């Protein structure tokens, strides 16, 4: 018996194959209105009808968003939820889908716990970095899922406690939640990690709120809890080393600090790995006509100092200084029995003024 052989047909040219695929995709593509018409005309439960649409047809992201918009404007929130859940089930996972799903769930009156789970799930489909976590926490707060938002913020703080945005958001969320423990945690974080140009205002508010919480605990007979809040406040306010340079005039002066690990903190690099920071830089501010010269400040803070010698320089860059001098104040272990203060007037010229201070370990 002759062996049956199969003649191979010439392979389709790549361009022809692509054209045929594109034609087939166009035939399967649905607009938002077409998708809704097929959904309404389908048989079976809503979830199955949505699944068949996503399996049998192509609905682009833009058309999917348009579909949800139509349902949203028609106040068909449950149908919008079903559409989004089916899209996710069928491999269309993207963070924006979870955001829309949470919004439609809120409008449909779904439980806050369910909304919280949806928003937390969105992190699985992106990089779970701190900015992404803060965005999700803000959305959780919007839907009043306070516990989930605070939990997520605590997780973010473990990853990057130095994020100032994190602590300001945590302050807002904890206030809305009325969770006393969360409010204390957030305010302590503000005191330790928020050092932007408005840090003084944020710190003053944090101290005020923490003192109010402690006083309220005392009034309600919870003195041990009040004392714990005061202890947390004192710890959060810890600054082992603070160097301040003050001068009068519109001159530009730079403060440059080198820690015992030989890390430099200056206007070029405003923070060290041990969280020493240049927190205020007033140099170069123009003097307003008709007004007397203002006092300018440059300030370095090291909340938890590495014991050892800190070298620092005051550099005159340009401008005019009243009397040609600046006042340097060095404070160590402020607010403790070890507190020391040293003030010195220095003459500024072309050469840097070089000073140093020895920081000892804080006593327990």
Foldseek 3Di string as FASTA:
>chain_A
DDDDDDDDDDDDDPVVVVVVVVVVQVVQEDALVRLVVQQVPDDDDSLVSLLCNVVRGDYDPVRLVVNLVVCVVVLVLVSSLSNLVSCVVSPVQALVSLLSNLVSCLSVVHDLVVNLVSLVVNCVVDPVALVSLQVSLVSSLVSVVLVSSLVSLVVNCVVPLQDLVSLVSQCVSCVVNVPVVSNLVSLLSLLQRPQALCSVVSVVVSVVVLLVSLVVCVVVVNNVVSVVSVVSNVLSNAWFKKKKKKFWFQFFKWKWKAAPVRDIDTPVHAADPQGKGFRFGFHRDDDDPPDGTDMGMIMITRRAGDFFKMKMKMATDDGDTVVQKMKMKMWGGPPDPPIDIDIDIDHYDHDIDMDMDGGDHDDD
